């Protein structure tokens, strides 16, 4: 998904001709930039999951902590 978001952003900027207003800028006071603001949020969330894992409220944790029925 991280690679998909990166390729999607690259294609939108290079081949679809997104202008500066559409691309936006990081850490500006306007949150209406379609590409940079929204895609940075998705990349942050996906990288967080890669680094920290799913956590205690995930099905992976639930399934790994339940004993197998013999």
C-alpha atoms as a PDB file:
ATOM      1  CA  UNK A   1       0.000   0.000   0.000  1.00  0.00           C
ATOM      2  CA  UNK A   2       2.883   2.365   0.721  1.00  0.00           C
ATOM      3  CA  UNK A   3       4.276   1.750  -2.754  1.00  0.00           C
ATOM      4  CA  UNK A   4       0.824   2.158  -4.282  1.00  0.00           C
ATOM      5  CA  UNK A   5       0.308   5.559  -2.625  1.00  0.00           C
ATOM      6  CA  UNK A   6       3.763   6.697  -3.778  1.00  0.00           C
ATOM      7  CA  UNK A   7       3.177   5.587  -7.379  1.00  0.00           C
ATOM      8  CA  UNK A   8      -0.323   7.060  -7.370  1.00  0.00           C
ATOM      9  CA  UNK A   9       1.029  10.428  -6.214  1.00  0.00           C
ATOM     10  CA  UNK A  10       3.832  10.354  -8.782  1.00  0.00           C
ATOM     11  CA  UNK A  11       1.438   9.589 -11.640  1.00  0.00           C
ATOM     12  CA  UNK A  12      -0.990  12.303 -10.545  1.00  0.00           C
ATOM     13  CA  UNK A  13       1.741  14.929 -10.406  1.00  0.00           C
ATOM     14  CA  UNK A  14       3.783  13.980 -13.484  1.00  0.00           C
ATOM     15  CA  UNK A  15       1.317  12.535 -15.966  1.00  0.00           C
ATOM     16  CA  UNK A  16      -1.994  14.111 -14.971  1.00  0.00           C
ATOM     17  CA  UNK A  17      -0.476  17.569 -14.697  1.00  0.00           C
ATOM     18  CA  UNK A  18      -1.514  18.487 -11.173  1.00  0.00           C
ATOM     19  CA  UNK A  19      -0.854  22.155 -10.479  1.00  0.00           C
ATOM     20  CA  UNK A  20       0.693  23.663  -7.342  1.00  0.00           C
ATOM     21  CA  UNK A  21      -2.677  24.275  -5.677  1.00  0.00           C
ATOM     22  CA  UNK A  22      -3.682  20.644  -6.109  1.00  0.00           C
ATOM     23  CA  UNK A  23      -0.350  19.306  -4.880  1.00  0.00           C
ATOM     24  CA  UNK A  24      -0.166  21.673  -1.903  1.00  0.00           C
ATOM     25  CA  UNK A  25       2.633  22.155   0.604  1.00  0.00           C
ATOM     26  CA  UNK A  26       3.462  20.399   3.837  1.00  0.00           C
ATOM     27  CA  UNK A  27       2.802  22.204   7.112  1.00  0.00           C
ATOM     28  CA  UNK A  28       0.843  25.045   5.574  1.00  0.00           C
ATOM     29  CA  UNK A  29      -2.295  26.278   7.277  1.00  0.00           C
ATOM     30  CA  UNK A  30      -4.617  25.055   4.521  1.00  0.00           C
ATOM     31  CA  UNK A  31      -5.743  21.429   4.589  1.00  0.00           C
ATOM     32  CA  UNK A  32      -7.401  21.398   1.191  1.00  0.00           C
ATOM     33  CA  UNK A  33      -4.431  20.167  -0.843  1.00  0.00           C
ATOM     34  CA  UNK A  34      -5.641  16.969  -2.443  1.00  0.00           C
ATOM     35  CA  UNK A  35      -2.346  15.204  -3.014  1.00  0.00           C
ATOM     36  CA  UNK A  36       0.282  16.136  -0.447  1.00  0.00           C
ATOM     37  CA  UNK A  37      -1.851  16.499   2.684  1.00  0.00           C
ATOM     38  CA  UNK A  38      -4.085  13.471   2.216  1.00  0.00           C
ATOM     39  CA  UNK A  39      -1.427  11.132   0.888  1.00  0.00           C
ATOM     40  CA  UNK A  40       1.017  12.131   3.625  1.00  0.00           C
ATOM     41  CA  UNK A  41      -1.605  11.172   6.193  1.00  0.00           C
ATOM     42  CA  UNK A  42      -2.089   7.747   4.583  1.00  0.00           C
ATOM     43  CA  UNK A  43       1.676   7.181   4.362  1.00  0.00           C
ATOM     44  CA  UNK A  44       2.104   8.096   8.021  1.00  0.00           C
ATOM     45  CA  UNK A  45      -0.632   5.665   9.097  1.00  0.00           C
ATOM     46  CA  UNK A  46       0.740   2.831   6.959  1.00  0.00           C
ATOM     47  CA  UNK A  47       4.341   3.369   8.101  1.00  0.00           C
ATOM     48  CA  UNK A  48       3.122   3.425  11.718  1.00  0.00           C
ATOM     49  CA  UNK A  49       1.491   0.026  11.211  1.00  0.00           C
ATOM     50  CA  UNK A  50       4.658  -1.366   9.649  1.00  0.00           C
ATOM     51  CA  UNK A  51       6.818  -0.155  12.525  1.00  0.00           C
ATOM     52  CA  UNK A  52       4.510  -0.719  15.526  1.00  0.00           C
ATOM     53  CA  UNK A  53       2.355  -3.594  14.337  1.00  0.00           C
ATOM     54  CA  UNK A  54      -1.406  -3.984  14.626  1.00  0.00           C
ATOM     55  CA  UNK A  55      -1.685  -3.677  18.420  1.00  0.00           C
ATOM     56  CA  UNK A  56      -3.874  -5.208  21.093  1.00  0.00           C
ATOM     57  CA  UNK A  57      -7.207  -4.479  19.426  1.00  0.00           C
ATOM     58  CA  UNK A  58      -6.494  -6.495  16.283  1.00  0.00           C
ATOM     59  CA  UNK A  59      -7.736  -9.882  15.200  1.00  0.00           C
ATOM     60  CA  UNK A  60      -4.127 -11.039  14.871  1.00  0.00           C
ATOM     61  CA  UNK A  61      -3.570 -10.471  18.572  1.00  0.00           C
ATOM     62  CA  UNK A  62      -6.875 -12.125  19.479  1.00  0.00           C
ATOM     63  CA  UNK A  63      -6.206 -15.204  17.364  1.00  0.00           C
ATOM     64  CA  UNK A  64      -2.634 -15.606  18.581  1.00  0.00           C
ATOM     65  CA  UNK A  65      -3.616 -15.369  22.260  1.00  0.00           C
ATOM     66  CA  UNK A  66      -6.474 -17.902  22.191  1.00  0.00           C
ATOM     67  CA  UNK A  67      -5.437 -21.460  22.964  1.00  0.00           C
ATOM     68  CA  UNK A  68      -5.985 -24.055  20.280  1.00  0.00           C
ATOM     69  CA  UNK A  69      -8.772 -26.521  20.945  1.00  0.00           C
ATOM     70  CA  UNK A  70      -7.431 -30.057  21.174  1.00  0.00           C
END
